[in-house]
Structures are given as structure tokens and as C-alpha cells.
Amino acid sequence: MEPAPQLADALFIQKVLRARRTPPEKKFLAAPRLFEYTRRIALSALRAENPHASPEQIRALFRQRRKLTRFLEEHPL
């Protein structure tokens, strides 16, 4: 069951306000944790897409995806 749109909006606004109150040093320290979290999700997705790939192949695919992402960010379509 989905929450009512008003509740979802209120929760989002609370989250934004909480993030704005977060001191800059905490935000700075959160960056590596966020990167590691997203890296693990990406690696898990690559393993699911390529179940027979070795760990080295998965890491190579991850590097290729990061290169592609950077390229697309620098050269928007």
C-alpha cells in the first residue's frame, strides 16, 4: 500500500530539511560511505546480469560502466 501523496511529500520535506541542518563536515564524511554503498549495489547488479563472470570480470565491467557514465556526463546527448 502506497502512502498518501501528501504524507510522502511531508516525509520528503522533512528529509530535505534534516539534510540542510547537517553540518558540512558530516556531509563530507558521508560521501565515501555513500560511494561504497552505491558501488556494492552496482556490483551486485552486475553479478546478477553476469552470473558466470569471475570477480575480475565483474570489476572490469564496473570500471567500464564508470567510464561510460563519466563520458555521458561530459558529453550529454
N, C-alpha and C. Protein backbone atom coordinates (compact mmCIF):
# COMPACT_ATOMS: atom_id res chain seq x y z
N MET A 1 0.84 -1.18 0.00
CA MET A 1 0.00 0.00 0.00
C MET A 1 0.88 1.24 0.00
N GLU A 2 0.66 2.10 -0.94
CA GLU A 2 1.44 3.34 -1.08
C GLU A 2 0.94 4.38 -0.08
N PRO A 3 1.86 5.17 0.49
CA PRO A 3 1.40 6.26 1.36
C PRO A 3 0.71 7.33 0.54
N ALA A 4 -0.15 8.07 1.20
CA ALA A 4 -0.84 9.18 0.51
C ALA A 4 0.19 10.16 -0.02
N PRO A 5 -0.07 10.78 -1.17
CA PRO A 5 0.90 11.74 -1.73
C PRO A 5 1.29 12.84 -0.76
N GLN A 6 0.33 13.31 0.04
CA GLN A 6 0.64 14.38 0.99
C GLN A 6 1.62 13.89 2.04
N LEU A 7 1.45 12.66 2.50
CA LEU A 7 2.37 12.09 3.50
C LEU A 7 3.75 11.91 2.90
N ALA A 8 3.80 11.40 1.67
CA ALA A 8 5.09 11.22 1.00
C ALA A 8 5.79 12.57 0.83
N ASP A 9 5.04 13.60 0.45
CA ASP A 9 5.62 14.94 0.31
C ASP A 9 6.14 15.45 1.63
N ALA A 10 5.37 15.27 2.70
CA ALA A 10 5.78 15.75 4.02
C ALA A 10 7.04 15.04 4.48
N LEU A 11 7.10 13.73 4.25
CA LEU A 11 8.30 12.97 4.64
C LEU A 11 9.52 13.43 3.85
N PHE A 12 9.32 13.70 2.57
CA PHE A 12 10.43 14.17 1.75
C PHE A 12 10.91 15.54 2.23
N ILE A 13 9.98 16.42 2.51
CA ILE A 13 10.35 17.76 3.00
C ILE A 13 11.12 17.65 4.31
N GLN A 14 10.68 16.78 5.22
CA GLN A 14 11.41 16.58 6.48
C GLN A 14 12.83 16.10 6.22
N LYS A 15 12.95 15.18 5.27
CA LYS A 15 14.28 14.64 4.94
C LYS A 15 15.19 15.75 4.39
N VAL A 16 14.65 16.59 3.52
CA VAL A 16 15.42 17.69 2.95
C VAL A 16 15.85 18.67 4.04
N LEU A 17 14.92 19.03 4.92
CA LEU A 17 15.24 19.97 6.00
C LEU A 17 16.29 19.39 6.93
N ARG A 18 16.20 18.11 7.22
CA ARG A 18 17.20 17.44 8.07
C ARG A 18 18.57 17.47 7.39
N ALA A 19 18.60 17.24 6.08
CA ALA A 19 19.87 17.27 5.35
C ALA A 19 20.46 18.68 5.34
N ARG A 20 19.61 19.68 5.24
CA ARG A 20 20.10 21.06 5.25
C ARG A 20 20.71 21.43 6.60
N ARG A 21 20.19 20.83 7.68
CA ARG A 21 20.72 21.13 9.02
C ARG A 21 22.00 20.36 9.32
N THR A 22 22.31 19.36 8.49
CA THR A 22 23.50 18.55 8.73
C THR A 22 24.75 19.39 8.53
N PRO A 23 25.66 19.36 9.51
CA PRO A 23 26.90 20.14 9.38
C PRO A 23 27.72 19.68 8.16
N PRO A 24 28.44 20.61 7.52
CA PRO A 24 29.22 20.27 6.33
C PRO A 24 30.21 19.13 6.55
N GLU A 25 30.83 19.09 7.74
CA GLU A 25 31.82 18.02 7.97
C GLU A 25 31.16 16.64 7.98
N LYS A 26 29.90 16.56 8.45
CA LYS A 26 29.20 15.26 8.42
C LYS A 26 28.86 14.89 6.98
N LYS A 27 28.46 15.88 6.20
CA LYS A 27 28.16 15.61 4.79
C LYS A 27 29.42 15.13 4.07
N PHE A 28 30.53 15.78 4.36
CA PHE A 28 31.80 15.42 3.74
C PHE A 28 32.17 13.98 4.09
N LEU A 29 31.99 13.60 5.36
CA LEU A 29 32.34 12.25 5.78
C LEU A 29 31.36 11.20 5.26
N ALA A 30 30.16 11.62 4.91
CA ALA A 30 29.16 10.68 4.39
C ALA A 30 29.45 10.28 2.95
N ALA A 31 30.18 11.10 2.22
CA ALA A 31 30.43 10.84 0.80
C ALA A 31 31.08 9.48 0.54
N PRO A 32 32.16 9.12 1.24
CA PRO A 32 32.77 7.80 0.97
C PRO A 32 31.82 6.65 1.30
N ARG A 33 31.03 6.81 2.36
CA ARG A 33 30.07 5.74 2.70
C ARG A 33 29.03 5.60 1.62
N LEU A 34 28.55 6.73 1.09
CA LEU A 34 27.55 6.69 0.02
C LEU A 34 28.14 6.06 -1.24
N PHE A 35 29.39 6.41 -1.57
CA PHE A 35 30.03 5.82 -2.73
C PHE A 35 30.15 4.30 -2.56
N GLU A 36 30.60 3.86 -1.39
CA GLU A 36 30.76 2.42 -1.14
C GLU A 36 29.42 1.70 -1.23
N TYR A 37 28.38 2.32 -0.71
CA TYR A 37 27.04 1.74 -0.76
C TYR A 37 26.58 1.57 -2.21
N THR A 38 26.73 2.63 -3.01
CA THR A 38 26.29 2.54 -4.40
C THR A 38 27.18 1.59 -5.21
N ARG A 39 28.46 1.53 -4.86
CA ARG A 39 29.37 0.60 -5.54
C ARG A 39 28.92 -0.84 -5.31
N ARG A 40 28.57 -1.16 -4.06
CA ARG A 40 28.11 -2.52 -3.76
C ARG A 40 26.84 -2.87 -4.51
N ILE A 41 25.92 -1.90 -4.61
CA ILE A 41 24.68 -2.15 -5.34
C ILE A 41 24.99 -2.40 -6.82
N ALA A 42 25.87 -1.58 -7.39
CA ALA A 42 26.22 -1.74 -8.80
C ALA A 42 26.90 -3.08 -9.05
N LEU A 43 27.81 -3.47 -8.16
CA LEU A 43 28.49 -4.77 -8.32
C LEU A 43 27.49 -5.92 -8.20
N SER A 44 26.55 -5.80 -7.29
CA SER A 44 25.53 -6.85 -7.15
C SER A 44 24.69 -6.96 -8.41
N ALA A 45 24.34 -5.81 -8.98
CA ALA A 45 23.55 -5.83 -10.22
C ALA A 45 24.36 -6.45 -11.35
N LEU A 46 25.64 -6.12 -11.44
CA LEU A 46 26.48 -6.71 -12.49
C LEU A 46 26.61 -8.22 -12.30
N ARG A 47 26.74 -8.67 -11.06
CA ARG A 47 26.81 -10.12 -10.80
C ARG A 47 25.50 -10.80 -11.22
N ALA A 48 24.37 -10.15 -10.94
CA ALA A 48 23.08 -10.72 -11.32
C ALA A 48 22.93 -10.78 -12.84
N GLU A 49 23.44 -9.77 -13.54
CA GLU A 49 23.36 -9.74 -15.00
C GLU A 49 24.34 -10.70 -15.65
N ASN A 50 25.44 -11.01 -14.95
CA ASN A 50 26.52 -11.85 -15.49
C ASN A 50 26.88 -12.94 -14.49
N PRO A 51 25.98 -13.90 -14.29
CA PRO A 51 26.19 -14.89 -13.21
C PRO A 51 27.43 -15.77 -13.39
N HIS A 52 27.94 -15.89 -14.60
CA HIS A 52 29.10 -16.76 -14.82
C HIS A 52 30.41 -15.99 -14.89
N ALA A 53 30.35 -14.69 -14.67
CA ALA A 53 31.57 -13.87 -14.75
C ALA A 53 32.40 -14.03 -13.47
N SER A 54 33.70 -13.96 -13.65
CA SER A 54 34.61 -14.04 -12.50
C SER A 54 34.60 -12.70 -11.76
N PRO A 55 35.11 -12.67 -10.54
CA PRO A 55 35.20 -11.39 -9.81
C PRO A 55 36.01 -10.35 -10.59
N GLU A 56 37.05 -10.78 -11.28
CA GLU A 56 37.85 -9.85 -12.07
C GLU A 56 37.04 -9.27 -13.23
N GLN A 57 36.23 -10.13 -13.87
CA GLN A 57 35.39 -9.66 -14.97
C GLN A 57 34.33 -8.68 -14.48
N ILE A 58 33.79 -8.94 -13.30
CA ILE A 58 32.79 -8.05 -12.72
C ILE A 58 33.42 -6.69 -12.44
N ARG A 59 34.63 -6.68 -11.87
CA ARG A 59 35.31 -5.41 -11.61
C ARG A 59 35.61 -4.67 -12.91
N ALA A 60 35.99 -5.40 -13.95
CA ALA A 60 36.25 -4.77 -15.25
C ALA A 60 34.96 -4.17 -15.82
N LEU A 61 33.85 -4.87 -15.70
CA LEU A 61 32.56 -4.33 -16.16
C LEU A 61 32.20 -3.07 -15.37
N PHE A 62 32.47 -3.10 -14.08
CA PHE A 62 32.20 -1.93 -13.24
C PHE A 62 33.02 -0.73 -13.71
N ARG A 63 34.29 -0.96 -13.98
CA ARG A 63 35.14 0.14 -14.46
C ARG A 63 34.64 0.67 -15.80
N GLN A 64 34.21 -0.23 -16.70
CA GLN A 64 33.68 0.19 -17.99
C GLN A 64 32.43 1.04 -17.81
N ARG A 65 31.56 0.63 -16.90
CA ARG A 65 30.33 1.39 -16.66
C ARG A 65 30.64 2.77 -16.09
N ARG A 66 31.62 2.84 -15.20
CA ARG A 66 32.00 4.14 -14.64
C ARG A 66 32.58 5.04 -15.72
N LYS A 67 33.40 4.48 -16.61
CA LYS A 67 33.95 5.26 -17.73
C LYS A 67 32.82 5.78 -18.61
N LEU A 68 31.88 4.91 -18.92
CA LEU A 68 30.75 5.30 -19.76
C LEU A 68 29.93 6.39 -19.08
N THR A 69 29.70 6.25 -17.80
CA THR A 69 28.94 7.26 -17.05
C THR A 69 29.64 8.61 -17.11
N ARG A 70 30.96 8.60 -16.87
CA ARG A 70 31.72 9.86 -16.93
C ARG A 70 31.64 10.48 -18.32
N PHE A 71 31.80 9.65 -19.34
CA PHE A 71 31.74 10.14 -20.72
C PHE A 71 30.39 10.79 -21.01
N LEU A 72 29.31 10.12 -20.60
CA LEU A 72 27.97 10.64 -20.86
C LEU A 72 27.70 11.92 -20.06
N GLU A 73 28.29 12.02 -18.88
CA GLU A 73 28.14 13.25 -18.11
C GLU A 73 28.87 14.41 -18.78
N GLU A 74 30.01 14.12 -19.38
CA GLU A 74 30.80 15.16 -20.03
C GLU A 74 30.30 15.48 -21.44
N HIS A 75 29.60 14.53 -22.06
CA HIS A 75 29.10 14.70 -23.44
C HIS A 75 27.62 14.32 -23.48
N PRO A 76 26.76 15.18 -22.95
CA PRO A 76 25.33 14.83 -22.94
C PRO A 76 24.79 14.64 -24.36
N LEU A 77 23.83 13.78 -24.47
CA LEU A 77 23.23 13.51 -25.79
C LEU A 77 22.34 14.63 -26.23
